[in-house]
């Protein structure tokens, strides 16, 4: 994946990848809504199976 933690603003973590460029905003909460999690996975250009494999 190649993402690294760029910074944190309040309860949100900014993750960044330089090549190819991508930036994700991930809430730093104990639980995430299903839709929020799916959006993060989609923005990272991952499939659900790929994401589960990374866990």
PDB file of N, CA and C in Angstrom:
ATOM      1  N   UNK A   1       0.827  -1.182   0.000  1.00  0.00           N
ATOM      2  CA  UNK A   1       0.000   0.000   0.000  1.00  0.00           C
ATOM      3  C   UNK A   1       0.871   1.244   0.000  1.00  0.00           C
ATOM      4  N   UNK A   2       1.855   1.334   0.890  1.00  0.00           N
ATOM      5  CA  UNK A   2       2.786   2.447   0.864  1.00  0.00           C
ATOM      6  C   UNK A   2       2.312   3.719   1.541  1.00  0.00           C
ATOM      7  N   UNK A   3       1.267   3.666   2.369  1.00  0.00           N
ATOM      8  CA  UNK A   3       0.784   4.867   3.054  1.00  0.00           C
ATOM      9  C   UNK A   3       1.593   5.101   4.322  1.00  0.00           C
ATOM     10  N   UNK A   4       1.782   6.351   4.661  1.00  0.00           N
ATOM     11  CA  UNK A   4       2.411   6.702   5.925  1.00  0.00           C
ATOM     12  C   UNK A   4       1.580   7.794   6.590  1.00  0.00           C
ATOM     13  N   UNK A   5       1.737   7.911   7.885  1.00  0.00           N
ATOM     14  CA  UNK A   5       0.983   8.897   8.653  1.00  0.00           C
ATOM     15  C   UNK A   5       1.613  10.268   8.455  1.00  0.00           C
ATOM     16  N   UNK A   6       0.881  11.163   7.819  1.00  0.00           N
ATOM     17  CA  UNK A   6       1.384  12.509   7.557  1.00  0.00           C
ATOM     18  C   UNK A   6       1.196  13.392   8.784  1.00  0.00           C
ATOM     19  N   UNK A   7      -0.016  13.417   9.318  1.00  0.00           N
ATOM     20  CA  UNK A   7      -0.297  14.237  10.495  1.00  0.00           C
ATOM     21  C   UNK A   7      -1.651  13.838  11.066  1.00  0.00           C
ATOM     22  N   UNK A   8      -2.009  14.484  12.163  1.00  0.00           N
ATOM     23  CA  UNK A   8      -3.306  14.246  12.780  1.00  0.00           C
ATOM     24  C   UNK A   8      -3.906  15.580  13.166  1.00  0.00           C
ATOM     25  N   UNK A   9      -5.183  15.739  12.844  1.00  0.00           N
ATOM     26  CA  UNK A   9      -5.933  16.938  13.219  1.00  0.00           C
ATOM     27  C   UNK A   9      -7.121  16.479  14.053  1.00  0.00           C
ATOM     28  N   UNK A  10      -7.058  16.738  15.344  1.00  0.00           N
ATOM     29  CA  UNK A  10      -8.135  16.297  16.219  1.00  0.00           C
ATOM     30  C   UNK A  10      -8.246  14.782  16.204  1.00  0.00           C
ATOM     31  N   UNK A  11      -9.438  14.293  15.860  1.00  0.00           N
ATOM     32  CA  UNK A  11      -9.659  12.845  15.857  1.00  0.00           C
ATOM     33  C   UNK A  11      -9.552  12.245  14.454  1.00  0.00           C
ATOM     34  N   UNK A  12      -8.863  12.933  13.545  1.00  0.00           N
ATOM     35  CA  UNK A  12      -8.700  12.425  12.184  1.00  0.00           C
ATOM     36  C   UNK A  12      -7.216  12.330  11.829  1.00  0.00           C
ATOM     37  N   UNK A  13      -6.830  11.190  11.273  1.00  0.00           N
ATOM     38  CA  UNK A  13      -5.449  10.935  10.872  1.00  0.00           C
ATOM     39  C   UNK A  13      -5.360  11.079   9.354  1.00  0.00           C
ATOM     40  N   UNK A  14      -4.356  11.804   8.895  1.00  0.00           N
ATOM     41  CA  UNK A  14      -4.117  11.980   7.468  1.00  0.00           C
ATOM     42  C   UNK A  14      -3.036  10.984   7.052  1.00  0.00           C
ATOM     43  N   UNK A  15      -3.383  10.078   6.142  1.00  0.00           N
ATOM     44  CA  UNK A  15      -2.435   9.109   5.597  1.00  0.00           C
ATOM     45  C   UNK A  15      -2.104   9.522   4.173  1.00  0.00           C
ATOM     46  N   UNK A  16      -0.843   9.352   3.788  1.00  0.00           N
ATOM     47  CA  UNK A  16      -0.413   9.796   2.465  1.00  0.00           C
ATOM     48  C   UNK A  16       0.456   8.738   1.794  1.00  0.00           C
ATOM     49  N   UNK A  17       0.316   8.679   0.480  1.00  0.00           N
ATOM     50  CA  UNK A  17       1.182   7.842  -0.352  1.00  0.00           C
ATOM     51  C   UNK A  17       1.696   8.752  -1.456  1.00  0.00           C
ATOM     52  N   UNK A  18       3.006   8.718  -1.704  1.00  0.00           N
ATOM     53  CA  UNK A  18       3.594   9.631  -2.679  1.00  0.00           C
ATOM     54  C   UNK A  18       3.499   9.126  -4.116  1.00  0.00           C
ATOM     55  N   UNK A  19       3.724   7.835  -4.351  1.00  0.00           N
ATOM     56  CA  UNK A  19       3.731   7.307  -5.722  1.00  0.00           C
ATOM     57  C   UNK A  19       2.892   6.055  -5.817  1.00  0.00           C
ATOM     58  N   UNK A  20       1.773   6.036  -6.512  1.00  0.00           N
ATOM     59  CA  UNK A  20       1.069   7.196  -7.042  1.00  0.00           C
ATOM     60  C   UNK A  20       0.431   7.966  -5.895  1.00  0.00           C
ATOM     61  N   UNK A  21       0.309   9.269  -6.057  1.00  0.00           N
ATOM     62  CA  UNK A  21      -0.172  10.126  -4.974  1.00  0.00           C
ATOM     63  C   UNK A  21      -1.589   9.745  -4.556  1.00  0.00           C
ATOM     64  N   UNK A  22      -1.782   9.645  -3.258  1.00  0.00           N
ATOM     65  CA  UNK A  22      -3.104   9.434  -2.677  1.00  0.00           C
ATOM     66  C   UNK A  22      -3.055   9.938  -1.247  1.00  0.00           C
ATOM     67  N   UNK A  23      -4.163  10.459  -0.780  1.00  0.00           N
ATOM     68  CA  UNK A  23      -4.252  10.938   0.593  1.00  0.00           C
ATOM     69  C   UNK A  23      -5.591  10.492   1.158  1.00  0.00           C
ATOM     70  N   UNK A  24      -5.572   9.939   2.356  1.00  0.00           N
ATOM     71  CA  UNK A  24      -6.771   9.455   3.020  1.00  0.00           C
ATOM     72  C   UNK A  24      -6.936  10.155   4.353  1.00  0.00           C
ATOM     73  N   UNK A  25      -8.168  10.439   4.705  1.00  0.00           N
ATOM     74  CA  UNK A  25      -8.485  10.957   6.031  1.00  0.00           C
ATOM     75  C   UNK A  25      -9.227   9.842   6.757  1.00  0.00           C
ATOM     76  N   UNK A  26      -8.643   9.383   7.859  1.00  0.00           N
ATOM     77  CA  UNK A  26      -9.199   8.253   8.597  1.00  0.00           C
ATOM     78  C   UNK A  26      -9.568   8.711  10.001  1.00  0.00           C
ATOM     79  N   UNK A  27     -10.837   8.538  10.408  1.00  0.00           N
ATOM     80  CA  UNK A  27     -11.226   8.903  11.765  1.00  0.00           C
ATOM     81  C   UNK A  27     -10.520   8.008  12.785  1.00  0.00           C
ATOM     82  N   UNK A  28     -10.055   8.592  13.868  1.00  0.00           N
ATOM     83  CA  UNK A  28      -9.400   7.847  14.945  1.00  0.00           C
ATOM     84  C   UNK A  28     -10.435   7.574  16.034  1.00  0.00           C
ATOM     85  N   UNK A  29     -11.366   6.667  15.726  1.00  0.00           N
ATOM     86  CA  UNK A  29     -12.434   6.305  16.644  1.00  0.00           C
ATOM     87  C   UNK A  29     -12.327   4.826  16.971  1.00  0.00           C
ATOM     88  N   UNK A  30     -12.943   4.416  18.082  1.00  0.00           N
ATOM     89  CA  UNK A  30     -12.932   3.002  18.445  1.00  0.00           C
ATOM     90  C   UNK A  30     -13.693   2.168  17.425  1.00  0.00           C
ATOM     91  N   UNK A  31     -14.763   2.708  16.880  1.00  0.00           N
ATOM     92  CA  UNK A  31     -15.561   2.008  15.882  1.00  0.00           C
ATOM     93  C   UNK A  31     -15.799   2.929  14.697  1.00  0.00           C
ATOM     94  N   UNK A  32     -15.851   2.330  13.503  1.00  0.00           N
ATOM     95  CA  UNK A  32     -16.150   3.082  12.286  1.00  0.00           C
ATOM     96  C   UNK A  32     -17.455   2.573  11.698  1.00  0.00           C
ATOM     97  N   UNK A  33     -18.235   3.476  11.155  1.00  0.00           N
ATOM     98  CA  UNK A  33     -19.438   3.107  10.443  1.00  0.00           C
ATOM     99  C   UNK A  33     -19.051   2.265   9.227  1.00  0.00           C
ATOM    100  N   UNK A  34     -19.871   1.319   8.879  1.00  0.00           N
ATOM    101  CA  UNK A  34     -19.594   0.432   7.748  1.00  0.00           C
ATOM    102  C   UNK A  34     -19.355   1.224   6.462  1.00  0.00           C
ATOM    103  N   UNK A  35     -20.164   2.241   6.223  1.00  0.00           N
ATOM    104  CA  UNK A  35     -20.015   3.060   5.022  1.00  0.00           C
ATOM    105  C   UNK A  35     -18.712   3.840   5.015  1.00  0.00           C
ATOM    106  N   UNK A  36     -18.303   4.334   6.183  1.00  0.00           N
ATOM    107  CA  UNK A  36     -17.035   5.065   6.289  1.00  0.00           C
ATOM    108  C   UNK A  36     -15.867   4.139   5.980  1.00  0.00           C
ATOM    109  N   UNK A  37     -15.904   2.944   6.530  1.00  0.00           N
ATOM    110  CA  UNK A  37     -14.840   1.970   6.283  1.00  0.00           C
ATOM    111  C   UNK A  37     -14.766   1.596   4.801  1.00  0.00           C
ATOM    112  N   UNK A  38     -15.908   1.375   4.183  1.00  0.00           N
ATOM    113  CA  UNK A  38     -15.921   1.046   2.750  1.00  0.00           C
ATOM    114  C   UNK A  38     -15.362   2.185   1.914  1.00  0.00           C
ATOM    115  N   UNK A  39     -15.682   3.423   2.290  1.00  0.00           N
ATOM    116  CA  UNK A  39     -15.167   4.579   1.553  1.00  0.00           C
ATOM    117  C   UNK A  39     -13.647   4.668   1.670  1.00  0.00           C
ATOM    118  N   UNK A  40     -13.112   4.407   2.849  1.00  0.00           N
ATOM    119  CA  UNK A  40     -11.658   4.440   3.050  1.00  0.00           C
ATOM    120  C   UNK A  40     -10.986   3.357   2.203  1.00  0.00           C
ATOM    121  N   UNK A  41     -11.554   2.155   2.214  1.00  0.00           N
ATOM    122  CA  UNK A  41     -11.003   1.050   1.420  1.00  0.00           C
ATOM    123  C   UNK A  41     -11.041   1.411  -0.065  1.00  0.00           C
ATOM    124  N   UNK A  42     -12.138   1.986  -0.520  1.00  0.00           N
ATOM    125  CA  UNK A  42     -12.280   2.369  -1.927  1.00  0.00           C
ATOM    126  C   UNK A  42     -11.272   3.453  -2.306  1.00  0.00           C
ATOM    127  N   UNK A  43     -11.089   4.458  -1.439  1.00  0.00           N
ATOM    128  CA  UNK A  43     -10.145   5.544  -1.718  1.00  0.00           C
ATOM    129  C   UNK A  43      -8.706   5.040  -1.752  1.00  0.00           C
ATOM    130  N   UNK A  44      -8.427   3.960  -1.031  1.00  0.00           N
ATOM    131  CA  UNK A  44      -7.084   3.375  -1.030  1.00  0.00           C
ATOM    132  C   UNK A  44      -6.880   2.450  -2.230  1.00  0.00           C
ATOM    133  N   UNK A  45      -7.893   2.350  -3.087  1.00  0.00           N
ATOM    134  CA  UNK A  45      -7.852   1.476  -4.267  1.00  0.00           C
ATOM    135  C   UNK A  45      -7.627   0.016  -3.894  1.00  0.00           C
ATOM    136  N   UNK A  46      -8.308  -0.415  -2.836  1.00  0.00           N
ATOM    137  CA  UNK A  46      -8.241  -1.806  -2.399  1.00  0.00           C
ATOM    138  C   UNK A  46      -9.588  -2.472  -2.607  1.00  0.00           C
ATOM    139  N   UNK A  47      -9.560  -3.757  -2.832  1.00  0.00           N
ATOM    140  CA  UNK A  47     -10.778  -4.539  -2.805  1.00  0.00           C
ATOM    141  C   UNK A  47     -11.025  -4.982  -1.370  1.00  0.00           C
ATOM    142  N   UNK A  48     -12.235  -5.402  -1.088  1.00  0.00           N
ATOM    143  CA  UNK A  48     -12.562  -5.841   0.271  1.00  0.00           C
ATOM    144  C   UNK A  48     -11.677  -7.016   0.676  1.00  0.00           C
ATOM    145  N   UNK A  49     -11.470  -7.971  -0.235  1.00  0.00           N
ATOM    146  CA  UNK A  49     -10.626  -9.132   0.075  1.00  0.00           C
ATOM    147  C   UNK A  49      -9.185  -8.713   0.360  1.00  0.00           C
ATOM    148  N   UNK A  50      -8.669  -7.750  -0.410  1.00  0.00           N
ATOM    149  CA  UNK A  50      -7.309  -7.251  -0.178  1.00  0.00           C
ATOM    150  C   UNK A  50      -7.206  -6.591   1.191  1.00  0.00           C
ATOM    151  N   UNK A  51      -8.223  -5.824   1.559  1.00  0.00           N
ATOM    152  CA  UNK A  51      -8.230  -5.147   2.854  1.00  0.00           C
ATOM    153  C   UNK A  51      -8.245  -6.165   3.991  1.00  0.00           C
ATOM    154  N   UNK A  52      -9.107  -7.158   3.878  1.00  0.00           N
ATOM    155  CA  UNK A  52      -9.205  -8.184   4.921  1.00  0.00           C
ATOM    156  C   UNK A  52      -7.886  -8.930   5.067  1.00  0.00           C
ATOM    157  N   UNK A  53      -7.218  -9.175   3.957  1.00  0.00           N
ATOM    158  CA  UNK A  53      -5.923  -9.856   3.994  1.00  0.00           C
ATOM    159  C   UNK A  53      -4.879  -9.035   4.759  1.00  0.00           C
ATOM    160  N   UNK A  54      -4.985  -7.706   4.701  1.00  0.00           N
ATOM    161  CA  UNK A  54      -4.033  -6.837   5.402  1.00  0.00           C
ATOM    162  C   UNK A  54      -4.272  -6.780   6.907  1.00  0.00           C
ATOM    163  N   UNK A  55      -5.468  -7.187   7.353  1.00  0.00           N
ATOM    164  CA  UNK A  55      -5.776  -7.136   8.790  1.00  0.00           C
ATOM    165  C   UNK A  55      -5.024  -8.148   9.541  1.00  0.00           C
TER     166      UNK A  55
END
